[in-house]
N, C-alpha and C. Protein backbone atom coordinates (compact mmCIF):
# COMPACT_ATOMS: atom_id res chain seq x y z
N MET A 1 -101.06 76.94 196.12
CA MET A 1 -100.83 78.08 195.26
C MET A 1 -101.09 77.65 193.82
N SER A 2 -102.01 78.32 193.14
CA SER A 2 -102.39 77.91 191.79
C SER A 2 -101.76 78.76 190.70
N ALA A 3 -101.00 79.76 191.03
CA ALA A 3 -100.38 80.61 190.01
C ALA A 3 -99.23 79.88 189.33
N ALA A 4 -99.01 80.24 188.07
CA ALA A 4 -97.94 79.59 187.32
C ALA A 4 -96.58 80.17 187.68
N ASN A 5 -96.52 81.44 188.00
CA ASN A 5 -95.26 82.09 188.34
C ASN A 5 -95.30 82.55 189.79
N LEU A 6 -94.19 82.44 190.44
CA LEU A 6 -94.08 82.88 191.83
C LEU A 6 -93.00 83.95 191.87
N HIS A 7 -93.37 85.16 192.24
CA HIS A 7 -92.42 86.26 192.31
C HIS A 7 -91.75 86.21 193.67
N LEU A 8 -90.43 86.13 193.67
CA LEU A 8 -89.66 86.03 194.90
C LEU A 8 -88.70 87.20 195.00
N LYS A 9 -88.40 87.56 196.25
CA LYS A 9 -87.44 88.63 196.49
C LYS A 9 -86.15 87.97 196.97
N GLY A 10 -85.07 88.23 196.25
CA GLY A 10 -83.79 87.63 196.59
C GLY A 10 -82.96 88.54 197.47
N ALA A 11 -81.70 88.22 197.62
CA ALA A 11 -80.78 89.02 198.42
C ALA A 11 -80.59 90.39 197.78
N ARG A 12 -80.38 91.39 198.59
CA ARG A 12 -80.17 92.78 198.16
C ARG A 12 -81.36 93.34 197.40
N GLY A 13 -82.55 92.79 197.58
CA GLY A 13 -83.75 93.35 197.00
C GLY A 13 -83.99 93.00 195.55
N THR A 14 -83.18 92.12 194.94
CA THR A 14 -83.42 91.74 193.55
C THR A 14 -84.64 90.83 193.47
N ARG A 15 -85.34 90.94 192.38
CA ARG A 15 -86.53 90.13 192.19
C ARG A 15 -86.28 89.11 191.09
N PHE A 16 -86.86 87.94 191.20
CA PHE A 16 -86.80 86.94 190.15
C PHE A 16 -88.09 86.15 190.17
N VAL A 17 -88.34 85.45 189.08
CA VAL A 17 -89.57 84.69 188.94
C VAL A 17 -89.21 83.21 188.90
N ALA A 18 -89.91 82.43 189.71
CA ALA A 18 -89.71 80.98 189.71
C ALA A 18 -90.93 80.33 189.08
N MET A 19 -90.69 79.36 188.21
CA MET A 19 -91.79 78.63 187.58
C MET A 19 -92.24 77.50 188.50
N ILE A 20 -93.52 77.35 188.64
CA ILE A 20 -94.07 76.27 189.45
C ILE A 20 -94.58 75.19 188.52
N PRO A 21 -94.10 73.93 188.71
CA PRO A 21 -94.60 72.84 187.86
C PRO A 21 -96.10 72.68 188.00
N GLY A 22 -96.77 72.39 186.88
CA GLY A 22 -98.21 72.18 186.91
C GLY A 22 -99.01 73.46 186.88
N GLY A 23 -98.35 74.57 186.64
CA GLY A 23 -99.07 75.83 186.57
C GLY A 23 -99.71 76.04 185.21
N LYS A 24 -100.07 77.29 184.90
CA LYS A 24 -100.73 77.62 183.65
C LYS A 24 -99.89 77.28 182.42
N GLY A 25 -98.58 77.40 182.51
CA GLY A 25 -97.72 77.19 181.36
C GLY A 25 -97.66 75.75 180.90
N ARG A 26 -98.12 74.81 181.68
CA ARG A 26 -98.02 73.40 181.32
C ARG A 26 -99.11 73.03 180.32
N GLU A 27 -98.75 72.22 179.35
CA GLU A 27 -99.69 71.80 178.32
C GLU A 27 -100.56 70.66 178.85
N THR A 28 -101.85 70.76 178.59
CA THR A 28 -102.76 69.72 179.08
C THR A 28 -102.80 68.55 178.11
N ARG A 29 -103.31 67.42 178.56
CA ARG A 29 -103.42 66.23 177.70
C ARG A 29 -104.34 66.49 176.51
N GLY A 30 -105.38 67.27 176.72
CA GLY A 30 -106.30 67.58 175.63
C GLY A 30 -105.60 68.33 174.50
N ASN A 31 -104.75 69.30 174.85
CA ASN A 31 -104.01 70.05 173.84
C ASN A 31 -102.99 69.16 173.13
N GLN A 32 -102.35 68.27 173.87
CA GLN A 32 -101.40 67.35 173.26
C GLN A 32 -102.11 66.45 172.25
N MET A 33 -103.28 65.96 172.61
CA MET A 33 -104.04 65.08 171.72
C MET A 33 -104.48 65.83 170.47
N LYS A 34 -104.91 67.07 170.61
CA LYS A 34 -105.33 67.87 169.45
C LYS A 34 -104.15 68.07 168.50
N LYS A 35 -102.98 68.39 169.05
CA LYS A 35 -101.81 68.60 168.20
C LYS A 35 -101.43 67.32 167.48
N LEU A 36 -101.51 66.19 168.16
CA LEU A 36 -101.20 64.90 167.54
C LEU A 36 -102.17 64.59 166.41
N LEU A 37 -103.45 64.81 166.63
CA LEU A 37 -104.46 64.54 165.60
C LEU A 37 -104.28 65.45 164.39
N VAL A 38 -103.94 66.70 164.61
CA VAL A 38 -103.71 67.63 163.51
C VAL A 38 -102.48 67.18 162.70
N ALA A 39 -101.41 66.77 163.40
CA ALA A 39 -100.21 66.31 162.70
C ALA A 39 -100.50 65.05 161.89
N LEU A 40 -101.28 64.13 162.44
CA LEU A 40 -101.64 62.91 161.71
C LEU A 40 -102.49 63.22 160.48
N ALA A 41 -103.41 64.17 160.61
CA ALA A 41 -104.25 64.55 159.48
C ALA A 41 -103.42 65.17 158.36
N ILE A 42 -102.45 66.00 158.71
CA ILE A 42 -101.59 66.62 157.71
C ILE A 42 -100.74 65.55 157.02
N ALA A 43 -100.20 64.62 157.80
CA ALA A 43 -99.39 63.54 157.21
C ALA A 43 -100.23 62.67 156.28
N ALA A 44 -101.45 62.35 156.67
CA ALA A 44 -102.32 61.52 155.83
C ALA A 44 -102.67 62.26 154.54
N GLY A 45 -102.88 63.55 154.61
CA GLY A 45 -103.17 64.34 153.42
C GLY A 45 -101.99 64.39 152.47
N ALA A 46 -100.78 64.46 153.02
CA ALA A 46 -99.58 64.49 152.17
C ALA A 46 -99.37 63.15 151.49
N VAL A 47 -99.64 62.07 152.18
CA VAL A 47 -99.46 60.73 151.61
C VAL A 47 -100.49 60.48 150.51
N ALA A 48 -101.65 61.09 150.61
CA ALA A 48 -102.71 60.87 149.61
C ALA A 48 -102.31 61.36 148.22
N PHE A 49 -101.39 62.33 148.14
CA PHE A 49 -101.01 62.89 146.84
C PHE A 49 -99.75 62.27 146.25
N VAL A 50 -99.16 61.27 146.90
CA VAL A 50 -97.98 60.60 146.37
C VAL A 50 -98.44 59.59 145.32
N PRO A 51 -97.85 59.64 144.12
CA PRO A 51 -98.28 58.71 143.08
C PRO A 51 -97.92 57.27 143.44
N THR A 52 -98.81 56.37 143.13
CA THR A 52 -98.57 54.96 143.40
C THR A 52 -98.52 54.21 142.08
N GLU A 53 -98.19 52.96 142.13
CA GLU A 53 -98.11 52.14 140.92
C GLU A 53 -99.47 52.06 140.23
N ALA A 54 -100.56 52.16 141.00
CA ALA A 54 -101.90 52.08 140.42
C ALA A 54 -102.17 53.27 139.49
N SER A 55 -101.54 54.42 139.75
CA SER A 55 -101.79 55.59 138.92
C SER A 55 -100.73 55.76 137.84
N ALA A 56 -99.84 54.78 137.66
CA ALA A 56 -98.77 54.89 136.67
C ALA A 56 -99.25 54.43 135.29
N TRP A 57 -98.57 54.94 134.27
CA TRP A 57 -98.81 54.47 132.91
C TRP A 57 -98.07 53.16 132.73
N THR A 58 -98.73 52.16 132.21
CA THR A 58 -98.12 50.86 131.92
C THR A 58 -98.48 50.48 130.49
N CYS A 59 -97.45 50.14 129.70
CA CYS A 59 -97.65 49.77 128.30
C CYS A 59 -97.06 48.39 128.04
N TYR A 60 -97.65 47.69 127.09
CA TYR A 60 -97.21 46.34 126.72
C TYR A 60 -96.93 46.31 125.22
N ALA A 61 -95.91 45.54 124.85
CA ALA A 61 -95.55 45.38 123.44
C ALA A 61 -95.33 43.91 123.15
N SER A 62 -95.61 43.50 121.91
CA SER A 62 -95.33 42.13 121.50
C SER A 62 -94.71 42.16 120.10
N GLY A 63 -93.88 41.17 119.84
CA GLY A 63 -93.18 41.11 118.57
C GLY A 63 -93.78 40.06 117.65
N THR A 64 -93.35 40.09 116.39
CA THR A 64 -93.84 39.14 115.40
C THR A 64 -93.34 37.72 115.67
N THR A 65 -92.30 37.60 116.50
CA THR A 65 -91.76 36.27 116.83
C THR A 65 -92.26 35.76 118.19
N GLY A 66 -93.13 36.51 118.82
CA GLY A 66 -93.67 36.10 120.11
C GLY A 66 -92.99 36.76 121.31
N ALA A 67 -92.01 37.60 121.07
CA ALA A 67 -91.33 38.31 122.16
C ALA A 67 -92.28 39.34 122.76
N THR A 68 -92.11 39.61 124.04
CA THR A 68 -92.96 40.59 124.72
C THR A 68 -92.09 41.55 125.54
N GLY A 69 -92.68 42.65 125.90
CA GLY A 69 -92.01 43.62 126.75
C GLY A 69 -93.04 44.54 127.37
N TRP A 70 -92.67 45.15 128.49
CA TRP A 70 -93.58 46.12 129.11
C TRP A 70 -92.75 47.23 129.74
N GLY A 71 -93.38 48.39 129.87
CA GLY A 71 -92.75 49.54 130.48
C GLY A 71 -93.74 50.31 131.31
N SER A 72 -93.24 50.96 132.35
CA SER A 72 -94.11 51.69 133.26
C SER A 72 -93.44 52.98 133.71
N HIS A 73 -94.24 54.02 133.91
CA HIS A 73 -93.73 55.30 134.43
C HIS A 73 -94.88 56.03 135.11
N PRO A 74 -94.62 56.69 136.25
CA PRO A 74 -95.72 57.34 136.98
C PRO A 74 -96.32 58.55 136.26
N TYR A 75 -95.55 59.25 135.41
CA TYR A 75 -96.06 60.47 134.79
C TYR A 75 -96.07 60.43 133.27
N SER A 76 -95.05 59.81 132.66
CA SER A 76 -94.86 59.95 131.22
C SER A 76 -95.35 58.72 130.44
N LEU A 77 -96.36 58.92 129.63
CA LEU A 77 -96.86 57.86 128.76
C LEU A 77 -95.83 57.53 127.69
N GLY A 78 -95.15 58.54 127.17
CA GLY A 78 -94.13 58.34 126.14
C GLY A 78 -92.99 57.46 126.65
N TYR A 79 -92.56 57.69 127.88
CA TYR A 79 -91.49 56.87 128.44
C TYR A 79 -91.94 55.42 128.58
N ALA A 80 -93.17 55.21 129.05
CA ALA A 80 -93.68 53.85 129.21
C ALA A 80 -93.75 53.14 127.86
N ARG A 81 -94.16 53.85 126.81
CA ARG A 81 -94.22 53.25 125.46
C ARG A 81 -92.83 52.86 124.96
N ARG A 82 -91.87 53.81 125.09
CA ARG A 82 -90.51 53.54 124.62
C ARG A 82 -89.89 52.38 125.38
N ARG A 83 -90.14 52.31 126.68
CA ARG A 83 -89.57 51.23 127.49
C ARG A 83 -90.15 49.88 127.08
N ALA A 84 -91.45 49.82 126.84
CA ALA A 84 -92.08 48.56 126.42
C ALA A 84 -91.51 48.09 125.08
N LEU A 85 -91.36 49.02 124.13
CA LEU A 85 -90.79 48.66 122.83
C LEU A 85 -89.33 48.23 122.94
N ALA A 86 -88.57 48.90 123.81
CA ALA A 86 -87.17 48.54 124.00
C ALA A 86 -87.04 47.14 124.62
N GLU A 87 -87.88 46.83 125.60
CA GLU A 87 -87.85 45.50 126.22
C GLU A 87 -88.20 44.42 125.21
N CYS A 88 -89.16 44.69 124.36
CA CYS A 88 -89.53 43.74 123.32
C CYS A 88 -88.39 43.59 122.31
N ALA A 89 -87.77 44.69 121.92
CA ALA A 89 -86.70 44.66 120.93
C ALA A 89 -85.50 43.85 121.41
N ILE A 90 -85.22 43.88 122.70
CA ILE A 90 -84.11 43.10 123.25
C ILE A 90 -84.33 41.61 123.01
N ARG A 91 -85.57 41.18 123.08
CA ARG A 91 -85.90 39.76 122.96
C ARG A 91 -86.25 39.33 121.52
N THR A 92 -86.16 40.25 120.57
CA THR A 92 -86.56 39.98 119.19
C THR A 92 -85.33 39.86 118.31
N PRO A 93 -85.29 38.87 117.41
CA PRO A 93 -84.15 38.78 116.48
C PRO A 93 -84.17 39.93 115.47
N ARG A 94 -83.06 40.08 114.74
CA ARG A 94 -82.96 41.16 113.75
C ARG A 94 -84.05 41.05 112.69
N HIS A 95 -84.45 42.20 112.21
CA HIS A 95 -85.43 42.35 111.13
C HIS A 95 -86.84 41.90 111.53
N ALA A 96 -87.08 41.56 112.78
CA ALA A 96 -88.44 41.31 113.26
C ALA A 96 -88.93 42.59 113.91
N ARG A 97 -90.23 42.76 114.01
CA ARG A 97 -90.79 44.01 114.52
C ARG A 97 -91.53 43.79 115.83
N CYS A 98 -91.60 44.90 116.63
CA CYS A 98 -92.39 44.92 117.87
C CYS A 98 -93.48 45.98 117.71
N TYR A 99 -94.65 45.70 118.27
CA TYR A 99 -95.77 46.62 118.22
C TYR A 99 -96.34 46.80 119.60
N LEU A 100 -96.80 48.01 119.87
CA LEU A 100 -97.49 48.24 121.15
C LEU A 100 -98.83 47.55 121.12
N THR A 101 -99.13 46.79 122.16
CA THR A 101 -100.43 46.11 122.21
C THR A 101 -101.43 46.85 123.07
N GLY A 102 -100.95 47.70 123.97
CA GLY A 102 -101.88 48.48 124.78
C GLY A 102 -101.20 49.23 125.90
N CYS A 103 -101.87 50.27 126.35
CA CYS A 103 -101.40 51.08 127.48
C CYS A 103 -102.59 51.39 128.39
N ASN A 104 -102.35 51.45 129.66
CA ASN A 104 -103.40 51.84 130.61
C ASN A 104 -102.80 52.62 131.73
């Protein structure tokens, strides 16, 4: 019997439907593989848009006394600059200055 549903007559004339394993309702391996590949493609596309350290702003600062500092942020160049200057200032004695040496 190749049908997916089997109509049976029960006691007192009631009818019910029995599902047969392996019938039309069962998902084939090909469909499972397609769904898996689609899910993997969507996941790979979502991961592609996550910012990484390579796309972050990184700034460096150096002081007149040789102190250095650096700062990094994925979106804000201003934050990276302020962080680099703050790191340099921590390592610099009073009345010495820190300057930004570069950002990329």
